[in-house]
Protein backbone atom coordinates (compact mmCIF):
# COMPACT_ATOMS: atom_id res chain seq x y z
CA MET A 1 -233.11 21.21 75.59
CA ALA A 2 -232.69 22.03 71.91
CA THR A 3 -230.56 19.72 69.84
CA ARG A 4 -228.08 21.25 67.42
CA THR A 5 -228.03 19.57 64.02
CA THR A 6 -224.77 19.58 62.11
CA VAL A 7 -224.55 19.32 58.35
CA SER A 8 -221.88 17.08 56.88
CA GLY A 9 -219.40 18.65 54.51
CA GLY A 10 -218.58 21.64 56.75
CA SER A 11 -214.87 21.14 56.13
CA GLU A 12 -212.07 23.68 55.86
CA ARG A 13 -212.39 23.45 52.08
CA GLN A 14 -216.09 24.35 52.31
CA LEU A 15 -215.27 27.26 54.58
CA ALA A 16 -212.59 28.48 52.15
CA ALA A 17 -215.04 28.28 49.26
CA SER A 18 -217.61 30.28 51.22
CA SER A 19 -214.99 32.89 52.04
CA ARG A 20 -214.01 33.21 48.38
CA ALA A 21 -217.66 33.69 47.40
CA ALA A 22 -218.09 36.34 50.08
CA ARG A 23 -214.99 38.21 48.89
CA MET A 24 -216.27 38.22 45.31
CA ASP A 25 -219.63 39.55 46.47
CA GLU A 26 -217.82 42.30 48.36
CA ARG A 27 -215.80 43.26 45.25
CA LEU A 28 -218.91 43.13 43.05
CA ASN A 29 -221.09 45.26 45.34
CA GLN A 30 -218.58 47.61 46.84
CA GLY A 31 -220.30 50.95 47.43
CA GLN A 32 -223.77 49.48 46.87
CA PRO A 33 -226.54 49.99 49.48
CA VAL A 34 -227.01 47.03 51.79
CA HIS A 35 -230.40 46.27 50.26
CA LEU A 36 -229.11 46.12 46.68
CA SER A 37 -226.84 43.70 44.77
CA LYS A 38 -225.81 43.86 41.13
CA LEU A 39 -227.31 41.09 39.03
CA THR A 40 -224.85 39.00 37.03
CA PRO A 41 -224.95 35.28 36.18
CA ILE A 42 -221.36 34.97 37.34
CA THR A 43 -222.73 34.74 40.88
CA PHE A 44 -224.62 31.56 39.94
CA LEU A 45 -221.35 29.65 39.62
CA GLU A 46 -219.94 31.18 42.79
CA ARG A 47 -222.93 29.94 44.77
CA SER A 48 -223.06 26.47 43.22
CA ALA A 49 -219.32 26.01 43.78
CA VAL A 50 -220.06 26.38 47.50
CA VAL A 51 -223.40 24.60 47.82
CA PHE A 52 -222.67 21.81 45.32
CA ALA A 53 -218.87 21.74 45.46
CA ASP A 54 -218.44 17.97 44.96
CA LYS A 55 -221.48 17.44 42.76
CA PRO A 56 -220.89 16.70 39.04
CA ALA A 57 -221.14 19.99 37.14
CA VAL A 58 -220.02 18.86 33.68
CA ILE A 59 -220.05 15.49 31.94
CA TYR A 60 -218.49 15.08 28.50
CA ASP A 61 -218.24 11.49 27.29
CA ASP A 62 -215.95 9.80 29.83
CA ARG A 63 -214.80 13.07 31.40
CA GLN A 64 -216.46 14.57 34.46
CA TYR A 65 -215.69 17.36 36.88
CA SER A 66 -217.33 18.90 39.92
CA TYR A 67 -218.66 22.37 40.55
CA ALA A 68 -215.53 23.20 42.52
CA GLU A 69 -213.37 22.20 39.55
CA PHE A 70 -215.70 23.99 37.13
CA ARG A 71 -215.12 27.19 39.09
CA ARG A 72 -211.35 26.69 39.14
CA ARG A 73 -211.26 26.23 35.37
CA VAL A 74 -213.39 29.35 34.84
CA HIS A 75 -211.13 31.44 37.05
CA ARG A 76 -208.03 30.11 35.27
CA LEU A 77 -209.51 31.00 31.90
CA ALA A 78 -210.37 34.51 33.12
CA GLY A 79 -206.81 34.94 34.34
CA ALA A 80 -205.38 33.61 31.08
CA LEU A 81 -207.48 36.06 29.07
CA ARG A 82 -206.27 38.99 31.16
CA ARG A 83 -202.65 37.84 30.85
CA ALA A 84 -203.15 37.66 27.08
CA GLY A 85 -203.97 41.35 27.05
CA ILE A 86 -207.77 41.19 27.15
CA GLU A 87 -209.09 44.28 28.89
CA PRO A 88 -212.59 44.98 30.27
CA GLY A 89 -214.94 45.70 27.40
CA ASP A 90 -212.91 43.75 24.81
CA ARG A 91 -214.67 41.12 22.72
CA VAL A 92 -213.57 37.48 22.91
CA ALA A 93 -214.94 35.12 20.25
CA PHE A 94 -215.53 31.38 20.45
CA LEU A 95 -216.12 29.07 17.49
CA ALA A 96 -216.95 25.69 18.98
CA PRO A 97 -219.72 23.10 19.32
CA ASN A 98 -221.33 22.24 22.67
CA ILE A 99 -218.14 21.31 24.48
CA PRO A 100 -216.97 22.24 28.01
CA ALA A 101 -214.71 25.05 26.74
CA LEU A 102 -217.69 27.01 25.39
CA LEU A 103 -219.61 26.43 28.62
CA GLU A 104 -216.62 27.73 30.61
CA ALA A 105 -216.48 30.79 28.36
CA HIS A 106 -219.96 31.88 29.45
CA PHE A 107 -218.57 32.58 32.90
CA ALA A 108 -214.86 33.21 32.32
CA VAL A 109 -215.12 35.84 29.58
CA PRO A 110 -217.40 38.16 31.62
CA LEU A 111 -215.40 37.36 34.77
CA ALA A 112 -212.41 38.86 32.95
CA GLY A 113 -214.59 41.89 32.20
CA ALA A 114 -214.79 41.07 28.51
CA ILE A 115 -217.75 40.42 26.19
CA LEU A 116 -218.42 36.96 24.75
CA ALA A 117 -219.21 36.49 21.05
CA ALA A 118 -220.13 32.84 20.41
CA ILE A 119 -220.24 32.30 16.64
CA ASN A 120 -222.49 29.98 14.65
CA ILE A 121 -220.29 27.05 13.55
CA ARG A 122 -222.43 26.47 10.43
CA LEU A 123 -221.41 29.74 8.80
CA ASN A 124 -218.82 29.88 6.04
CA SER A 125 -215.40 31.53 6.25
CA SER A 126 -216.39 34.93 4.89
CA GLU A 127 -219.44 35.17 7.18
CA ILE A 128 -217.32 34.34 10.23
CA ALA A 129 -214.69 36.86 9.14
CA TYR A 130 -217.37 39.56 8.90
CA ILE A 131 -218.55 38.84 12.46
CA LEU A 132 -215.02 38.80 13.89
CA ASN A 133 -214.24 42.12 12.20
CA HIS A 134 -217.52 43.76 13.15
CA ALA A 135 -217.13 42.63 16.77
CA GLU A 136 -213.46 43.63 16.71
CA ALA A 137 -212.70 40.44 18.61
CA LYS A 138 -209.14 40.51 19.93
CA LEU A 139 -208.91 36.78 20.59
CA LEU A 140 -210.58 33.71 19.06
CA VAL A 141 -210.89 30.32 20.70
CA VAL A 142 -211.59 27.76 17.97
CA ASP A 143 -212.30 24.06 18.09
CA SER A 144 -209.70 22.08 16.12
CA GLU A 145 -212.42 20.56 13.94
CA LEU A 146 -213.28 24.07 12.70
CA ALA A 147 -209.73 25.31 12.11
CA ALA A 148 -210.09 24.78 8.35
CA VAL A 149 -212.93 27.32 8.27
CA ILE A 150 -210.76 30.02 9.85
CA ALA A 151 -207.52 29.38 7.96
CA PRO A 152 -208.57 31.00 4.62
CA VAL A 153 -209.59 34.32 6.19
CA VAL A 154 -206.92 34.91 8.84
CA SER A 155 -205.27 37.59 6.71
CA GLU A 156 -208.61 39.43 6.46
CA LEU A 157 -209.11 39.76 10.22
CA SER A 158 -208.55 43.33 11.37
CA ALA A 159 -208.54 42.91 15.16
CA THR A 160 -208.24 39.17 15.80
CA LYS A 161 -204.54 38.48 16.24
CA GLN A 162 -204.52 35.81 18.96
CA PHE A 163 -205.81 32.26 18.55
CA VAL A 164 -206.38 29.49 21.08
CA VAL A 165 -207.21 26.00 19.79
CA VAL A 166 -209.28 23.39 21.64
CA ARG A 167 -207.67 20.13 20.57
CA ASP A 168 -210.46 17.66 21.22
CA THR A 169 -209.79 13.95 20.68
CA ARG A 170 -213.54 13.49 20.16
CA ALA A 171 -213.47 15.64 17.02
CA GLU A 172 -214.11 13.72 13.82
CA SER A 173 -211.37 15.56 11.96
CA THR A 174 -208.70 18.14 12.60
CA ALA A 175 -206.88 20.35 10.16
CA ALA A 176 -203.44 21.86 10.05
CA LEU A 177 -203.26 25.17 11.84
CA PRO A 178 -201.43 27.57 9.53
CA PHE A 179 -202.36 30.45 11.81
CA GLY A 180 -200.78 28.83 14.86
CA GLY A 181 -202.67 28.99 18.11
CA GLN A 182 -201.97 28.00 21.68
CA ASP A 183 -203.49 24.80 23.07
CA TYR A 184 -206.56 25.55 25.21
CA GLU A 185 -205.45 23.50 28.22
CA ALA A 186 -201.99 25.05 28.10
CA PHE A 187 -203.62 28.48 27.84
CA LEU A 188 -205.65 27.76 31.01
CA ALA A 189 -202.46 26.80 32.82
CA THR A 190 -201.11 30.32 32.29
CA GLY A 191 -204.12 31.90 33.97
CA LEU A 192 -203.19 31.85 37.64
CA ALA A 193 -199.97 31.66 39.57
CA THR A 194 -198.98 28.33 41.08
CA GLY A 195 -201.13 27.54 44.09
CA GLU A 196 -203.79 30.09 43.26
CA ASP A 197 -207.30 29.15 42.22
CA GLU A 198 -209.12 32.49 42.10
CA PHE A 199 -209.14 35.37 39.65
CA GLU A 200 -209.48 38.37 41.94
CA ASP A 201 -209.73 41.23 39.45
CA PHE A 202 -213.45 40.97 38.70
CA ARG A 203 -215.29 44.27 38.60
CA LEU A 204 -218.73 45.17 37.25
CA ASP A 205 -219.50 48.88 37.02
CA ASP A 206 -223.15 48.42 36.04
CA GLU A 207 -225.41 45.37 35.80
CA ASN A 208 -226.59 46.82 32.47
CA ASP A 209 -223.10 46.45 30.99
CA VAL A 210 -222.91 44.08 28.02
CA ILE A 211 -222.12 40.44 28.81
CA SER A 212 -222.35 39.01 25.28
CA VAL A 213 -222.97 39.89 21.64
CA ASN A 214 -224.99 37.35 19.63
CA TYR A 215 -225.03 37.72 15.87
CA THR A 216 -228.24 37.19 13.97
CA SER A 217 -228.31 35.16 10.77
CA GLY A 218 -228.40 38.25 8.57
CA THR A 219 -232.05 37.94 7.57
CA THR A 220 -232.15 41.55 6.32
CA GLY A 221 -228.59 41.92 5.09
CA GLN A 222 -225.43 41.57 7.13
CA PRO A 223 -225.70 39.93 10.57
CA LYS A 224 -226.43 42.27 13.45
CA GLY A 225 -224.83 41.96 16.87
CA VAL A 226 -227.47 41.66 19.60
CA MET A 227 -226.24 42.96 22.95
CA TYR A 228 -227.18 41.11 26.15
CA THR A 229 -226.59 42.62 29.58
CA HIS A 230 -225.55 40.99 32.85
CA ARG A 231 -228.95 41.87 34.30
CA GLY A 232 -230.96 40.50 31.37
CA ALA A 233 -228.93 37.29 31.23
CA TYR A 234 -229.39 36.77 34.98
CA LEU A 235 -233.14 37.23 34.81
CA ASN A 236 -233.83 35.15 31.70
CA ALA A 237 -231.60 32.36 32.99
CA LEU A 238 -233.83 32.11 36.05
CA GLY A 239 -236.96 32.48 33.93
CA VAL A 240 -236.19 29.60 31.56
CA THR A 241 -235.03 27.21 34.28
CA GLU A 242 -238.14 27.91 36.35
CA MET A 243 -240.27 27.36 33.27
CA MET A 244 -238.53 24.05 32.55
CA GLU A 245 -238.51 23.04 36.23
CA VAL A 246 -234.76 22.43 36.32
CA GLN A 247 -233.57 21.47 39.80
CA SER A 248 -230.32 20.49 41.48
CA HIS A 249 -230.86 16.79 40.73
CA SER A 250 -231.54 17.49 37.03
CA ASN A 251 -229.24 16.39 34.19
CA TYR A 252 -229.39 18.81 31.25
CA LEU A 253 -228.28 17.53 27.82
CA TRP A 254 -226.70 20.12 25.54
CA VAL A 255 -228.53 19.86 22.21
CA VAL A 256 -229.53 23.44 21.38
CA PRO A 257 -226.28 25.19 20.32
CA MET A 258 -224.67 27.41 22.90
CA PHE A 259 -223.98 29.88 20.07
CA HIS A 260 -227.76 30.38 19.65
CA CYS A 261 -228.79 33.14 22.09
CA ASN A 262 -226.16 31.85 24.52
CA GLY A 263 -227.90 28.48 24.51
CA TRP A 264 -231.23 30.18 25.37
CA CYS A 265 -229.50 31.30 28.61
CA PHE A 266 -229.31 27.72 29.93
CA PRO A 267 -225.49 27.76 30.51
CA TRP A 268 -226.22 30.25 33.27
CA GLY A 269 -229.59 28.85 34.37
CA VAL A 270 -228.53 25.20 34.73
CA THR A 271 -225.52 26.34 36.74
CA ALA A 272 -227.74 28.49 38.96
CA MET A 273 -229.75 25.42 39.90
CA GLY A 274 -226.67 23.30 40.55
CA ALA A 275 -227.80 20.81 37.90
CA THR A 276 -225.41 18.77 35.74
CA HIS A 277 -224.42 19.85 32.23
CA VAL A 278 -224.12 16.88 29.85
CA CYS A 279 -222.17 18.15 26.83
CA LEU A 280 -222.57 16.71 23.35
CA ARG A 281 -220.51 17.74 20.30
CA ARG A 282 -223.38 17.30 17.85
CA ALA A 283 -227.07 16.51 17.98
CA ASP A 284 -226.73 13.01 16.55
CA PRO A 285 -229.86 10.97 17.43
CA GLU A 286 -227.92 7.84 18.43
CA LYS A 287 -225.57 9.84 20.66
CA MET A 288 -228.53 11.67 22.17
CA LEU A 289 -230.30 8.42 22.98
CA ASP A 290 -227.13 6.96 24.45
CA ALA A 291 -226.60 10.04 26.64
CA ILE A 292 -230.25 10.02 27.75
CA ARG A 293 -229.92 6.40 28.85
CA ARG A 294 -226.43 6.53 30.41
CA HIS A 295 -226.83 9.82 32.25
CA ARG A 296 -230.57 9.67 32.86
CA VAL A 297 -231.04 13.03 31.17
CA THR A 298 -234.04 14.91 32.56
CA HIS A 299 -234.05 17.99 30.29
CA PHE A 300 -232.92 19.19 26.90
CA CYS A 301 -233.85 21.85 24.33
CA GLY A 302 -233.88 21.63 20.55
CA ALA A 303 -235.51 22.65 17.31
CA PRO A 304 -238.50 20.61 16.07
CA THR A 305 -236.28 19.08 13.37
CA VAL A 306 -233.98 17.71 16.08
CA LEU A 307 -236.96 16.15 17.86
CA SER A 308 -238.23 14.65 14.64
CA ALA A 309 -234.83 13.17 13.80
CA LEU A 310 -234.58 11.68 17.29
CA LEU A 311 -238.10 10.24 17.36
CA HIS A 312 -237.87 8.66 13.91
CA HIS A 313 -234.34 7.31 14.12
CA PRO A 314 -234.17 3.49 13.88
CA ALA A 315 -232.44 3.35 17.27
CA ALA A 316 -235.50 4.99 18.86
CA ARG A 317 -237.73 2.04 17.96
CA GLU A 318 -236.17 -0.17 20.63
CA PHE A 319 -235.55 2.62 23.11
CA ARG A 320 -237.56 2.58 26.32
CA LEU A 321 -237.71 5.79 28.32
CA ASP A 322 -237.99 4.84 31.99
CA HIS A 323 -237.70 8.26 33.61
CA PRO A 324 -239.27 11.73 33.17
CA LEU A 325 -237.76 13.79 30.33
CA ARG A 326 -238.89 17.38 29.80
CA VAL A 327 -238.03 18.87 26.40
CA ALA A 328 -238.30 22.49 25.24
CA THR A 329 -238.63 23.06 21.52
CA GLY A 330 -238.41 26.33 19.63
CA GLY A 331 -236.57 28.10 16.85
CA ALA A 332 -239.50 27.19 14.60
CA PRO A 333 -243.04 26.29 15.58
CA PRO A 334 -243.39 22.51 16.01
CA SER A 335 -246.08 20.74 14.06
CA PRO A 336 -248.77 18.99 16.12
CA ALA A 337 -247.49 15.73 14.60
CA VAL A 338 -244.06 16.21 16.22
CA ILE A 339 -245.69 16.93 19.57
CA ARG A 340 -247.92 13.85 19.26
CA ASP A 341 -244.94 11.64 18.40
CA GLY A 342 -242.97 13.08 21.31
CA GLU A 343 -245.74 12.40 23.82
CA ARG A 344 -246.07 8.82 22.57
CA PHE A 345 -242.32 8.43 23.10
CA GLY A 346 -242.73 9.64 26.68
CA LEU A 347 -241.44 13.20 26.35
CA GLU A 348 -243.09 16.11 28.10
CA ILE A 349 -242.79 18.82 25.45
CA VAL A 350 -242.79 22.54 26.19
CA HIS A 351 -243.08 24.93 23.25
CA LEU A 352 -241.04 28.15 23.54
CA TYR A 353 -240.97 31.29 21.44
CA GLY A 354 -238.48 34.10 21.25
CA LEU A 355 -235.79 35.74 19.16
CA THR A 356 -232.11 36.49 19.47
CA GLU A 357 -233.25 39.98 20.48
CA SER A 358 -235.20 38.57 23.45
CA TYR A 359 -232.39 36.42 24.95
CA GLY A 360 -234.07 33.40 23.34
CA PRO A 361 -237.29 32.26 25.10
CA PHE A 362 -239.78 35.05 25.87
CA THR A 363 -243.03 33.04 25.86
CA PHE A 364 -244.01 29.43 26.34
CA CYS A 365 -247.17 27.44 26.03
CA GLU A 366 -247.94 27.21 29.75
CA TRP A 367 -250.05 24.14 30.35
CA ARG A 368 -253.31 24.35 32.24
CA LYS A 369 -254.68 21.56 34.38
CA GLU A 370 -258.11 21.64 32.69
CA TRP A 371 -256.49 20.60 29.40
CA ASP A 372 -255.26 17.27 30.78
CA GLY A 373 -258.42 15.41 29.80
CA LYS A 374 -258.37 16.44 26.15
CA GLU A 375 -257.54 13.97 23.39
CA LEU A 376 -253.91 13.74 22.30
CA ALA A 377 -254.59 15.46 18.96
CA GLU A 378 -256.23 18.44 20.66
CA ARG A 379 -253.49 18.66 23.30
CA ALA A 380 -250.92 18.73 20.50
CA GLU A 381 -252.75 21.57 18.76
CA ILE A 382 -252.70 23.59 21.99
CA LYS A 383 -249.03 22.85 22.65
CA ALA A 384 -248.15 24.15 19.17
CA LEU A 385 -249.20 27.66 20.27
CA GLN A 386 -246.49 30.17 21.18
CA GLY A 387 -248.36 30.83 24.41
CA VAL A 388 -247.79 33.52 27.04
CA PRO A 389 -244.77 35.36 28.53
CA HIS A 390 -242.86 33.38 31.12
CA VAL A 391 -242.73 34.69 34.68
CA LEU A 392 -239.69 36.93 34.18
CA SER A 393 -240.93 38.28 30.86
CA GLY A 394 -243.91 39.54 32.85
CA THR A 395 -246.71 41.24 30.96
CA SER A 396 -244.53 43.03 28.43
CA LEU A 397 -245.91 41.48 25.23
CA ARG A 398 -248.61 42.68 22.83
CA VAL A 399 -249.99 41.86 19.39
CA VAL A 400 -250.65 45.16 17.60
CA ASP A 401 -251.77 46.59 14.28
CA GLU A 402 -249.84 49.16 12.22
CA GLN A 403 -251.10 51.97 14.49
CA MET A 404 -249.84 50.11 17.61
CA ARG A 405 -253.40 49.29 18.68
CA ASP A 406 -253.94 45.91 20.34
CA VAL A 407 -255.70 43.43 18.07
CA PRO A 408 -258.83 41.70 19.41
CA ALA A 409 -258.38 38.33 21.12
CA ASP A 410 -260.38 36.54 18.42
CA GLY A 411 -257.82 34.09 17.06
CA GLN A 412 -258.30 35.67 13.62
CA THR A 413 -256.94 39.22 13.44
CA LEU A 414 -253.28 39.40 12.46
CA GLY A 415 -250.92 41.76 14.21
CA GLU A 416 -247.22 42.11 14.95
CA ILE A 417 -245.71 40.76 18.17
CA VAL A 418 -244.01 43.55 20.11
CA MET A 419 -242.27 43.28 23.47
CA ARG A 420 -240.23 45.25 25.99
CA GLY A 421 -238.74 44.91 29.45
CA ASN A 422 -235.94 43.04 31.18
CA ILE A 423 -235.74 40.26 28.59
CA VAL A 424 -235.18 42.48 25.55
CA MET A 425 -231.74 43.25 24.13
CA LYS A 426 -229.89 46.44 24.98
CA GLY A 427 -229.63 47.16 21.26
CA TYR A 428 -227.63 46.24 18.16
CA TYR A 429 -223.87 46.54 18.55
CA ARG A 430 -222.46 49.48 16.56
CA ASP A 431 -225.77 50.00 14.78
CA PRO A 432 -227.81 52.81 16.38
CA GLN A 433 -229.99 53.22 13.29
CA ALA A 434 -231.14 49.60 13.33
CA THR A 435 -231.67 49.84 17.10
CA ALA A 436 -233.86 52.91 16.74
CA GLU A 437 -235.92 51.22 14.03
CA ALA A 438 -236.39 48.06 16.10
CA PHE A 439 -237.40 50.09 19.19
CA ARG A 440 -239.77 52.52 17.46
CA GLY A 441 -242.75 53.49 19.59
CA GLY A 442 -241.05 52.29 22.77
CA TRP A 443 -241.42 48.59 21.95
CA PHE A 444 -239.21 46.00 20.24
CA HIS A 445 -240.78 45.04 16.93
CA SER A 446 -240.31 41.31 16.30
CA GLY A 447 -241.49 41.24 12.68
CA ASP A 448 -243.54 38.16 13.55
CA LEU A 449 -247.21 38.21 12.64
CA ALA A 450 -249.56 36.45 15.03
CA VAL A 451 -253.12 36.19 16.28
CA LEU A 452 -254.24 36.44 19.90
CA HIS A 453 -256.60 33.70 21.02
CA PRO A 454 -259.42 34.26 23.56
CA SER A 455 -257.27 32.30 26.04
CA GLY A 456 -254.65 35.04 25.83
CA TYR A 457 -252.23 32.71 24.03
CA ILE A 458 -250.52 33.91 20.87
CA GLU A 459 -250.07 31.92 17.65
CA ILE A 460 -247.63 32.93 14.91
CA ARG A 461 -249.16 32.85 11.45
CA ASP A 462 -246.41 34.35 9.28
CA ARG A 463 -243.20 36.35 9.29
CA SER A 464 -243.08 39.82 7.86
CA LYS A 465 -239.51 39.48 6.66
CA ASP A 466 -239.95 36.26 4.64
CA ILE A 467 -237.52 34.47 6.91
CA ILE A 468 -236.95 30.78 6.25
CA ILE A 469 -236.37 28.73 9.41
CA SER A 470 -234.52 25.57 8.48
CA GLY A 471 -233.57 23.27 11.33
CA GLY A 472 -233.74 26.20 13.73
CA GLU A 473 -231.45 28.35 11.53
CA ASN A 474 -232.75 31.62 10.07
CA ILE A 475 -232.18 32.14 6.35
CA SER A 476 -232.79 35.43 4.55
CA THR A 477 -234.54 34.97 1.21
CA GLN A 478 -233.06 38.28 0.08
CA GLU A 479 -229.55 37.06 0.79
CA VAL A 480 -230.08 33.89 -1.24
CA GLU A 481 -231.78 35.80 -4.06
CA LYS A 482 -228.85 38.19 -4.29
CA ALA A 483 -226.41 35.29 -4.51
CA ILE A 484 -228.42 33.62 -7.29
CA CYS A 485 -228.72 36.86 -9.24
CA ASP A 486 -224.92 37.15 -9.30
CA HIS A 487 -224.89 34.16 -11.66
CA PRO A 488 -224.15 35.43 -15.17
CA ASP A 489 -227.09 33.57 -16.72
CA VAL A 490 -229.75 34.67 -14.21
CA LEU A 491 -232.16 37.52 -14.89
CA GLU A 492 -234.15 37.42 -11.64
CA ALA A 493 -234.94 35.07 -8.78
CA ALA A 494 -237.37 34.55 -5.94
CA VAL A 495 -236.75 32.29 -2.95
CA ILE A 496 -239.35 30.87 -0.57
CA ALA A 497 -239.58 28.24 2.13
CA VAL A 498 -240.87 24.85 1.06
CA PRO A 499 -241.69 21.88 3.33
CA HIS A 500 -238.96 19.38 4.12
CA GLU A 501 -239.33 16.15 6.08
CA LYS A 502 -236.11 16.55 8.08
CA TRP A 503 -235.48 20.31 8.34
CA GLY A 504 -239.07 21.52 8.56
CA GLU A 505 -238.53 23.89 5.65
CA VAL A 506 -235.74 24.65 3.20
CA PRO A 507 -235.11 27.28 0.49
CA ARG A 508 -236.45 26.71 -3.02
CA ALA A 509 -235.51 29.06 -5.83
CA PHE A 510 -237.63 30.19 -8.76
CA VAL A 511 -235.36 31.56 -11.47
CA THR A 512 -235.82 33.40 -14.75
CA LEU A 513 -232.83 33.15 -17.08
CA LYS A 514 -231.58 35.87 -19.36
CA PRO A 515 -232.78 35.52 -22.97
CA GLY A 516 -230.76 32.99 -24.89
CA ARG A 517 -228.95 31.73 -21.77
CA GLN A 518 -229.01 28.22 -20.34
CA ALA A 519 -228.31 26.88 -16.86
CA ALA A 520 -229.11 23.69 -15.00
CA GLU A 521 -230.39 23.31 -11.46
CA ARG A 522 -227.02 21.97 -10.34
CA ASP A 523 -225.25 25.01 -11.78
CA ILE A 524 -227.32 27.39 -9.65
CA ILE A 525 -226.93 25.36 -6.45
CA ASP A 526 -223.17 24.94 -6.90
CA PHE A 527 -222.81 28.65 -7.63
CA CYS A 528 -224.60 29.48 -4.37
CA ARG A 529 -222.40 27.09 -2.44
CA GLN A 530 -219.40 29.20 -3.42
CA LYS A 531 -221.00 32.28 -1.86
CA LEU A 532 -223.14 31.06 1.04
CA ALA A 533 -223.14 28.57 3.89
CA HIS A 534 -224.47 25.32 2.46
CA PHE A 535 -227.59 25.27 4.63
CA LYS A 536 -228.66 28.58 3.06
CA CYS A 537 -228.45 27.31 -0.51
CA PRO A 538 -231.59 26.29 -2.42
CA HIS A 539 -232.42 22.59 -2.32
CA ALA A 540 -234.22 22.85 -5.65
CA VAL A 541 -234.56 25.29 -8.55
CA THR A 542 -237.55 25.85 -10.83
CA PHE A 543 -236.97 27.76 -14.08
CA GLY A 544 -239.55 30.03 -15.71
CA PRO A 545 -241.28 33.42 -15.47
CA LEU A 546 -242.17 34.71 -12.01
CA PRO A 547 -245.74 35.70 -11.09
CA LYS A 548 -245.89 39.45 -10.47
CA THR A 549 -248.24 42.20 -9.38
CA SER A 550 -249.09 45.14 -11.59
CA THR A 551 -246.28 47.10 -9.95
CA GLY A 552 -243.72 44.43 -10.78
CA LYS A 553 -243.41 42.79 -7.36
CA VAL A 554 -243.09 39.02 -7.25
CA LYS A 555 -246.18 37.31 -5.84
CA LYS A 556 -244.42 35.11 -3.34
CA PHE A 557 -247.72 34.21 -1.72
CA GLU A 558 -248.74 32.40 -4.93
CA LEU A 559 -245.53 30.39 -4.94
CA ARG A 560 -246.00 29.51 -1.26
CA GLU A 561 -249.62 28.47 -1.68
CA ARG A 562 -248.63 26.13 -4.48
CA GLU A 563 -245.75 24.54 -2.58
CA TRP A 564 -247.61 24.15 0.73
CA ALA A 565 -250.85 22.79 -0.73
CA GLY A 566 -251.94 19.63 1.07
CA TYR A 567 -249.86 20.26 4.19
CA GLU A 568 -251.40 20.66 7.65
CA LYS A 569 -250.05 24.20 7.84
CA ARG A 570 -246.95 26.11 7.01
CA VAL A 571 -244.40 25.85 9.81
CA HIS A 572 -244.24 29.62 10.25
């Protein structure tokens, strides 16, 4: 006679949660054929709130809540947004570090039918104002530590008239709030009627509707808004978590900013797996090490500069890693030295490559078993490659010449990386001309120049747009040059990336002054700081004539060769 096995936890609460999830699925897929469901990452939370109801979903210092509570907070926030007048298709902006509120926004804003715009917290006031106005964000949720950045430009905001403030006791400083703003927790409390714990007005017309707009760093002028869809976010979230081998027992430390490509889609992917989010306000090496030890962190992502800072921090000398820790690095190619240091520390490092326009990671350096026996130095060289598309990027990547012909797989011939498919943006928000240019020939043009190795792995050799990647942040040389040339004593300027021990590379300016004028290095840097975010400003200035071609173009390659002489290789 067969024995029936019962599973513990089949309580009335579990049954209620399952019923709620079923009702949402019915609302989402009403009218759909039985064999077809719309893809949206919102369903990841609905499932995990049933399967992992009592499991820790979010840890933030001494605060912790379960997947069931995570879902309740998300539904309250969705309800609060709707009560505040947010309609489907509206943009809702967040300006916050990696705190639970921003994680909740990744589910609550689209649940309310709105579009999330998570803004880079390192930008200055005028840059943030431009993004808010271009996105026409109706409501801004801002961390109290960043209120001082918003205050000077409130009068310049055309659409943003409502403010919600996350008052976090863990913030290092808070400023007065001249623009007002409702407290975040009080705002959540307005979301649902007493006794209710579900926002029932979720609708999704099309899985290709926009779920978020991510603004680039303005490497060719003003920032562009990159549109992600529900479908693309769903697929890349699964792709990156499969690639990183995130599982339900994993603890994921938030180091890569959630405002970068929606945290490389990990807010959705980690939730899909039922893993635990460990939030961290800033990527401070000591705090990272403490979190790794206390919470037995199994995964995190970060730029090579973050890894370097962690590995060479004095606190790391006495640290002993006694459990597996898988780390994804990207944003700038890691040097083999960083990978070697990481392996000695005990990290398993995965190198990713992608752009804002590809939902973050599109390729990774997939490891092959036959490489295990190679020496550490050779393994590090291989791991520094950008690699191959991950499983959900498929085969939709090429390296092509100017006539869109595939370059030979010889590891020598330069070509541009182009891509298409599910993990490519829908387009640039309110910029059809830029979208058409980026999608010319039926492929997205990355602007990254690479070679294709006989193994089929790609390796970036340069960037066609002279982008500087400093600590994972993109900096436009043209933007910095324009700022310098606004100085009354400057005739012309050229800006390039130069090596930097901490940030990988930073801007250096080469300046020619107007005849009879004088200016000091400090004058130029301080002038830039009035016009740009500080991380974009030159770290050093060299005065003198600029090397030029016969047609009057500055020979930046000569400046780069001089500054990078003696280094293993340029970082991009």
